[in-house]
Amino acid sequence: MPIKLSSELLRGSLDLMILSVLADGPTYGYSLQKRLADASNQAVQLQAGTLYPLLHKLESDKLIRSKWEKSTGRPRKWYELTAAGNRRLHQQATEWHSYVACLKQLLPTLATSNQQLAASRTSPANC
């Protein structure tokens, strides 16, 4: 069963996720949605109303570019990473790796404290 990620947690990382998928090569909107969902074990389910405004913003920021093609049989708007988008991807990925390392250092302490608290609540000696 996929985990449910909070919208607050996703909000700060959606640009990075989109740029990361586009680093593998050009793709169109529906394919991008599917690749995000598959790569996240269905935890990231972007609706079109969320995805397309993000794509437009990334394009206006010159991090991606788009073009219409009929290569799949019908016209689709394909998106690809620009050089500036590739630089932003690497910058944000470095920041996120540092952030995750920081959380990993903090969370074991929290997990240990929660386990001790739970154990003390269920221990017969404390009843």
N, C-alpha and C. Protein backbone atom coordinates (compact mmCIF):
# COMPACT_ATOMS: atom_id res chain seq x y z
N MET A 1 0.85 -1.19 0.00
CA MET A 1 0.00 0.00 0.00
C MET A 1 0.89 1.25 0.00
N PRO A 2 0.66 2.19 -0.93
CA PRO A 2 1.51 3.37 -1.00
C PRO A 2 1.31 4.28 0.20
N ILE A 3 2.40 4.94 0.59
CA ILE A 3 2.29 5.91 1.67
C ILE A 3 1.65 7.17 1.13
N LYS A 4 1.06 7.95 2.01
CA LYS A 4 0.44 9.22 1.63
C LYS A 4 1.35 10.33 2.10
N LEU A 5 1.88 11.10 1.15
CA LEU A 5 2.75 12.22 1.49
C LEU A 5 1.90 13.48 1.64
N SER A 6 2.21 14.28 2.64
CA SER A 6 1.45 15.50 2.87
C SER A 6 1.72 16.51 1.76
N SER A 7 0.74 17.35 1.49
CA SER A 7 0.89 18.36 0.45
C SER A 7 1.99 19.35 0.82
N GLU A 8 2.18 19.61 2.12
CA GLU A 8 3.23 20.52 2.56
C GLU A 8 4.61 19.95 2.23
N LEU A 9 4.78 18.66 2.43
CA LEU A 9 6.05 18.01 2.13
C LEU A 9 6.31 18.01 0.62
N LEU A 10 5.29 17.71 -0.15
CA LEU A 10 5.43 17.69 -1.61
C LEU A 10 5.69 19.06 -2.20
N ARG A 11 5.04 20.07 -1.66
CA ARG A 11 5.12 21.42 -2.22
C ARG A 11 6.56 21.88 -2.40
N GLY A 12 7.41 21.57 -1.47
CA GLY A 12 8.79 22.03 -1.53
C GLY A 12 9.69 21.19 -2.43
N SER A 13 9.16 20.11 -2.98
CA SER A 13 10.03 19.23 -3.76
C SER A 13 9.50 18.89 -5.15
N LEU A 14 8.37 19.40 -5.53
CA LEU A 14 7.79 19.04 -6.84
C LEU A 14 8.65 19.51 -8.00
N ASP A 15 9.21 20.73 -7.92
CA ASP A 15 10.07 21.19 -9.00
C ASP A 15 11.24 20.24 -9.17
N LEU A 16 11.86 19.86 -8.07
CA LEU A 16 12.99 18.93 -8.11
C LEU A 16 12.58 17.59 -8.72
N MET A 17 11.42 17.09 -8.35
CA MET A 17 10.95 15.82 -8.90
C MET A 17 10.75 15.91 -10.42
N ILE A 18 10.14 16.99 -10.87
CA ILE A 18 9.88 17.17 -12.29
C ILE A 18 11.20 17.29 -13.06
N LEU A 19 12.11 18.12 -12.56
CA LEU A 19 13.40 18.28 -13.22
C LEU A 19 14.15 16.94 -13.26
N SER A 20 14.03 16.18 -12.20
CA SER A 20 14.70 14.88 -12.14
C SER A 20 14.18 13.92 -13.21
N VAL A 21 12.88 13.87 -13.39
CA VAL A 21 12.30 13.02 -14.42
C VAL A 21 12.75 13.49 -15.80
N LEU A 22 12.76 14.80 -16.02
CA LEU A 22 13.16 15.34 -17.31
C LEU A 22 14.65 15.16 -17.59
N ALA A 23 15.45 14.92 -16.56
CA ALA A 23 16.88 14.66 -16.76
C ALA A 23 17.09 13.35 -17.52
N ASP A 24 16.10 12.46 -17.49
CA ASP A 24 16.18 11.20 -18.23
C ASP A 24 15.86 11.38 -19.71
N GLY A 25 15.38 12.55 -20.09
CA GLY A 25 15.06 12.83 -21.49
C GLY A 25 13.70 13.47 -21.64
N PRO A 26 13.41 13.99 -22.82
CA PRO A 26 12.12 14.66 -23.07
C PRO A 26 10.94 13.72 -22.83
N THR A 27 9.86 14.29 -22.35
CA THR A 27 8.64 13.52 -22.14
C THR A 27 7.45 14.47 -22.19
N TYR A 28 6.26 13.91 -22.30
CA TYR A 28 5.04 14.71 -22.32
C TYR A 28 4.34 14.57 -20.96
N GLY A 29 3.34 15.42 -20.74
CA GLY A 29 2.71 15.55 -19.42
C GLY A 29 2.22 14.26 -18.81
N TYR A 30 1.42 13.50 -19.54
CA TYR A 30 0.86 12.27 -18.97
C TYR A 30 1.96 11.28 -18.61
N SER A 31 2.96 11.17 -19.47
CA SER A 31 4.08 10.27 -19.21
C SER A 31 4.84 10.73 -17.96
N LEU A 32 4.99 12.03 -17.80
CA LEU A 32 5.67 12.57 -16.62
C LEU A 32 4.88 12.20 -15.36
N GLN A 33 3.57 12.37 -15.40
CA GLN A 33 2.72 11.99 -14.26
C GLN A 33 2.93 10.52 -13.91
N LYS A 34 2.90 9.66 -14.92
CA LYS A 34 3.03 8.22 -14.71
C LYS A 34 4.41 7.87 -14.15
N ARG A 35 5.45 8.49 -14.69
CA ARG A 35 6.81 8.20 -14.22
C ARG A 35 7.00 8.63 -12.77
N LEU A 36 6.43 9.77 -12.39
CA LEU A 36 6.50 10.21 -11.00
C LEU A 36 5.78 9.23 -10.08
N ALA A 37 4.61 8.81 -10.49
CA ALA A 37 3.84 7.86 -9.68
C ALA A 37 4.57 6.53 -9.56
N ASP A 38 5.08 6.02 -10.67
CA ASP A 38 5.79 4.74 -10.65
C ASP A 38 7.06 4.80 -9.81
N ALA A 39 7.84 5.87 -9.98
CA ALA A 39 9.10 6.01 -9.26
C ALA A 39 8.89 6.17 -7.76
N SER A 40 7.72 6.67 -7.37
CA SER A 40 7.43 6.91 -5.95
C SER A 40 6.55 5.83 -5.34
N ASN A 41 6.40 4.72 -6.04
CA ASN A 41 5.52 3.65 -5.56
C ASN A 41 4.11 4.19 -5.31
N GLN A 42 3.66 5.06 -6.21
CA GLN A 42 2.32 5.65 -6.22
C GLN A 42 2.11 6.71 -5.13
N ALA A 43 3.16 7.11 -4.42
CA ALA A 43 3.01 8.12 -3.36
C ALA A 43 2.84 9.52 -3.95
N VAL A 44 3.38 9.77 -5.13
CA VAL A 44 3.25 11.07 -5.78
C VAL A 44 2.29 10.91 -6.95
N GLN A 45 1.07 11.39 -6.75
CA GLN A 45 0.01 11.31 -7.76
C GLN A 45 -0.37 12.76 -8.13
N LEU A 46 0.34 13.32 -9.09
CA LEU A 46 0.07 14.70 -9.49
C LEU A 46 -1.11 14.77 -10.43
N GLN A 47 -2.07 15.58 -10.09
CA GLN A 47 -3.20 15.84 -10.97
C GLN A 47 -2.77 16.85 -12.03
N ALA A 48 -3.44 16.84 -13.17
CA ALA A 48 -3.11 17.76 -14.26
C ALA A 48 -3.18 19.21 -13.79
N GLY A 49 -4.13 19.53 -12.92
CA GLY A 49 -4.29 20.89 -12.42
C GLY A 49 -3.13 21.34 -11.55
N THR A 50 -2.33 20.42 -11.08
CA THR A 50 -1.12 20.75 -10.32
C THR A 50 0.09 20.71 -11.24
N LEU A 51 0.19 19.68 -12.09
CA LEU A 51 1.36 19.48 -12.92
C LEU A 51 1.54 20.59 -13.96
N TYR A 52 0.50 20.91 -14.72
CA TYR A 52 0.69 21.84 -15.83
C TYR A 52 1.04 23.26 -15.40
N PRO A 53 0.47 23.80 -14.33
CA PRO A 53 0.96 25.10 -13.87
C PRO A 53 2.44 25.06 -13.45
N LEU A 54 2.87 23.95 -12.86
CA LEU A 54 4.29 23.81 -12.50
C LEU A 54 5.16 23.78 -13.75
N LEU A 55 4.73 23.05 -14.77
CA LEU A 55 5.48 23.00 -16.02
C LEU A 55 5.56 24.39 -16.66
N HIS A 56 4.46 25.14 -16.64
CA HIS A 56 4.45 26.49 -17.21
C HIS A 56 5.40 27.40 -16.44
N LYS A 57 5.42 27.27 -15.12
CA LYS A 57 6.32 28.08 -14.29
C LYS A 57 7.78 27.73 -14.59
N LEU A 58 8.09 26.44 -14.66
CA LEU A 58 9.46 26.02 -14.96
C LEU A 58 9.88 26.51 -16.34
N GLU A 59 8.93 26.52 -17.27
CA GLU A 59 9.23 27.00 -18.61
C GLU A 59 9.46 28.51 -18.61
N SER A 60 8.64 29.24 -17.90
CA SER A 60 8.83 30.71 -17.85
C SER A 60 10.13 31.07 -17.12
N ASP A 61 10.58 30.19 -16.21
CA ASP A 61 11.87 30.40 -15.53
C ASP A 61 13.05 29.91 -16.37
N LYS A 62 12.75 29.42 -17.59
CA LYS A 62 13.76 28.93 -18.54
C LYS A 62 14.52 27.70 -18.04
N LEU A 63 13.87 26.90 -17.18
CA LEU A 63 14.48 25.67 -16.67
C LEU A 63 14.11 24.47 -17.55
N ILE A 64 13.00 24.60 -18.28
CA ILE A 64 12.59 23.59 -19.25
C ILE A 64 12.11 24.32 -20.50
N ARG A 65 12.01 23.58 -21.59
CA ARG A 65 11.42 24.12 -22.81
C ARG A 65 10.44 23.08 -23.34
N SER A 66 9.53 23.54 -24.17
CA SER A 66 8.52 22.62 -24.70
C SER A 66 8.39 22.79 -26.20
N LYS A 67 7.87 21.75 -26.83
CA LYS A 67 7.55 21.81 -28.25
C LYS A 67 6.46 20.79 -28.54
N TRP A 68 5.66 21.11 -29.54
CA TRP A 68 4.59 20.21 -29.95
C TRP A 68 5.14 19.23 -30.97
N GLU A 69 4.81 17.95 -30.79
CA GLU A 69 5.22 16.91 -31.74
C GLU A 69 4.09 15.92 -31.92
N LYS A 70 4.12 15.24 -33.04
CA LYS A 70 3.15 14.17 -33.33
C LYS A 70 3.82 12.81 -33.32
N SER A 71 4.96 12.66 -32.68
CA SER A 71 5.74 11.42 -32.75
C SER A 71 5.01 10.21 -32.16
N THR A 72 4.03 10.44 -31.33
CA THR A 72 3.28 9.33 -30.73
C THR A 72 1.94 9.10 -31.43
N GLY A 73 1.76 9.73 -32.59
CA GLY A 73 0.52 9.54 -33.34
C GLY A 73 -0.45 10.69 -33.20
N ARG A 74 -0.40 11.40 -32.13
CA ARG A 74 -1.25 12.57 -31.95
C ARG A 74 -0.41 13.70 -31.39
N PRO A 75 -0.84 14.93 -31.59
CA PRO A 75 -0.01 16.05 -31.10
C PRO A 75 0.09 16.03 -29.57
N ARG A 76 1.31 16.13 -29.10
CA ARG A 76 1.58 16.20 -27.65
C ARG A 76 2.62 17.29 -27.42
N LYS A 77 2.51 17.91 -26.27
CA LYS A 77 3.51 18.91 -25.89
C LYS A 77 4.60 18.18 -25.11
N TRP A 78 5.80 18.19 -25.64
CA TRP A 78 6.94 17.51 -25.02
C TRP A 78 7.76 18.54 -24.26
N TYR A 79 8.26 18.12 -23.11
CA TYR A 79 9.05 18.99 -22.25
C TYR A 79 10.45 18.40 -22.12
N GLU A 80 11.45 19.30 -22.08
CA GLU A 80 12.82 18.85 -21.88
C GLU A 80 13.57 19.86 -21.02
N LEU A 81 14.59 19.37 -20.37
CA LEU A 81 15.43 20.16 -19.48
C LEU A 81 16.34 21.08 -20.31
N THR A 82 16.51 22.31 -19.86
CA THR A 82 17.49 23.22 -20.46
C THR A 82 18.79 23.11 -19.66
N ALA A 83 19.83 23.78 -20.13
CA ALA A 83 21.10 23.80 -19.39
C ALA A 83 20.89 24.43 -18.02
N ALA A 84 20.09 25.50 -17.97
CA ALA A 84 19.80 26.15 -16.68
C ALA A 84 19.01 25.20 -15.77
N GLY A 85 18.11 24.42 -16.36
CA GLY A 85 17.35 23.43 -15.58
C GLY A 85 18.24 22.34 -15.03
N ASN A 86 19.21 21.93 -15.81
CA ASN A 86 20.16 20.91 -15.36
C ASN A 86 21.00 21.44 -14.19
N ARG A 87 21.43 22.69 -14.28
CA ARG A 87 22.18 23.30 -13.16
C ARG A 87 21.30 23.39 -11.92
N ARG A 88 20.03 23.81 -12.10
CA ARG A 88 19.12 23.91 -10.95
C ARG A 88 18.86 22.54 -10.34
N LEU A 89 18.70 21.54 -11.17
CA LEU A 89 18.50 20.17 -10.69
C LEU A 89 19.67 19.75 -9.80
N HIS A 90 20.88 19.96 -10.25
CA HIS A 90 22.04 19.55 -9.46
C HIS A 90 22.16 20.36 -8.17
N GLN A 91 21.85 21.65 -8.23
CA GLN A 91 21.89 22.49 -7.04
C GLN A 91 20.86 22.02 -6.01
N GLN A 92 19.62 21.82 -6.47
CA GLN A 92 18.56 21.40 -5.55
C GLN A 92 18.80 19.99 -5.03
N ALA A 93 19.31 19.11 -5.87
CA ALA A 93 19.58 17.74 -5.43
C ALA A 93 20.64 17.75 -4.33
N THR A 94 21.67 18.57 -4.49
CA THR A 94 22.71 18.68 -3.46
C THR A 94 22.11 19.19 -2.15
N GLU A 95 21.26 20.21 -2.25
CA GLU A 95 20.60 20.75 -1.05
C GLU A 95 19.73 19.69 -0.38
N TRP A 96 18.96 18.93 -1.17
CA TRP A 96 18.09 17.91 -0.61
C TRP A 96 18.88 16.77 0.03
N HIS A 97 20.00 16.39 -0.58
CA HIS A 97 20.83 15.34 0.02
C HIS A 97 21.37 15.81 1.38
N SER A 98 21.76 17.07 1.48
CA SER A 98 22.22 17.63 2.75
C SER A 98 21.08 17.66 3.77
N TYR A 99 19.90 18.05 3.31
CA TYR A 99 18.72 18.12 4.18
C TYR A 99 18.36 16.74 4.71
N VAL A 100 18.36 15.74 3.83
CA VAL A 100 18.05 14.36 4.24
C VAL A 100 19.08 13.85 5.22
N ALA A 101 20.36 14.16 4.99
CA ALA A 101 21.41 13.73 5.92
C ALA A 101 21.19 14.34 7.30
N CYS A 102 20.76 15.59 7.31
CA CYS A 102 20.46 16.25 8.58
C CYS A 102 19.29 15.56 9.28
N LEU A 103 18.23 15.28 8.55
CA LEU A 103 17.07 14.60 9.13
C LEU A 103 17.43 13.21 9.66
N LYS A 104 18.27 12.50 8.91
CA LYS A 104 18.68 11.16 9.36
C LYS A 104 19.43 11.22 10.68
N GLN A 105 20.16 12.30 10.88
CA GLN A 105 20.88 12.45 12.14
C GLN A 105 19.91 12.76 13.29
N LEU A 106 18.86 13.50 12.99
CA LEU A 106 17.90 13.90 14.02
C LEU A 106 16.87 12.81 14.33
N LEU A 107 16.41 12.11 13.32
CA LEU A 107 15.30 11.17 13.49
C LEU A 107 15.60 9.94 14.33
N PRO A 108 16.79 9.35 14.28
CA PRO A 108 17.01 8.19 15.16
C PRO A 108 16.82 8.54 16.63
N THR A 109 17.23 9.74 17.02
CA THR A 109 17.03 10.17 18.41
C THR A 109 15.55 10.24 18.73
N LEU A 110 14.77 10.77 17.82
CA LEU A 110 13.33 10.86 18.00
C LEU A 110 12.71 9.47 18.05
N ALA A 111 13.12 8.59 17.14
CA ALA A 111 12.58 7.23 17.12
C ALA A 111 12.90 6.50 18.40
N THR A 112 14.12 6.64 18.90
CA THR A 112 14.51 5.98 20.16
C THR A 112 13.69 6.53 21.31
N SER A 113 13.50 7.84 21.34
CA SER A 113 12.70 8.45 22.41
C SER A 113 11.26 7.97 22.35
N ASN A 114 10.68 7.87 21.15
CA ASN A 114 9.30 7.39 20.99
C ASN A 114 9.17 5.94 21.40
N GLN A 115 10.16 5.11 21.06
CA GLN A 115 10.12 3.70 21.45
C GLN A 115 10.19 3.56 22.96
N GLN A 116 11.05 4.35 23.60
CA GLN A 116 11.16 4.31 25.06
C GLN A 116 9.87 4.77 25.71
N LEU A 117 9.26 5.82 25.15
CA LEU A 117 8.00 6.33 25.67
C LEU A 117 6.90 5.28 25.52
N ALA A 118 6.81 4.65 24.36
CA ALA A 118 5.81 3.61 24.13
C ALA A 118 6.02 2.43 25.05
N ALA A 119 7.26 2.05 25.25
CA ALA A 119 7.57 0.92 26.13
C ALA A 119 7.18 1.25 27.57
N SER A 120 7.42 2.48 27.99
CA SER A 120 7.10 2.84 29.37
C SER A 120 5.60 2.88 29.59
N ARG A 121 4.82 3.17 28.54
CA ARG A 121 3.36 3.21 28.67
C ARG A 121 2.76 1.80 28.74
N THR A 122 3.43 0.84 28.15
CA THR A 122 2.88 -0.52 28.12
C THR A 122 3.50 -1.42 29.20
N SER A 123 4.49 -0.91 29.89
CA SER A 123 5.16 -1.72 30.90
C SER A 123 4.26 -1.86 32.13
N PRO A 124 4.07 -3.10 32.63
CA PRO A 124 3.23 -3.32 33.80
C PRO A 124 3.73 -2.59 35.04
N ALA A 125 5.02 -2.35 35.11
CA ALA A 125 5.59 -1.68 36.28
C ALA A 125 5.11 -0.24 36.39
N ASN A 126 4.70 0.34 35.28
CA ASN A 126 4.28 1.73 35.29
C ASN A 126 2.76 1.89 35.34
N CYS A 127 2.04 0.81 35.50
CA CYS A 127 0.59 0.87 35.51
C CYS A 127 0.06 1.30 36.84
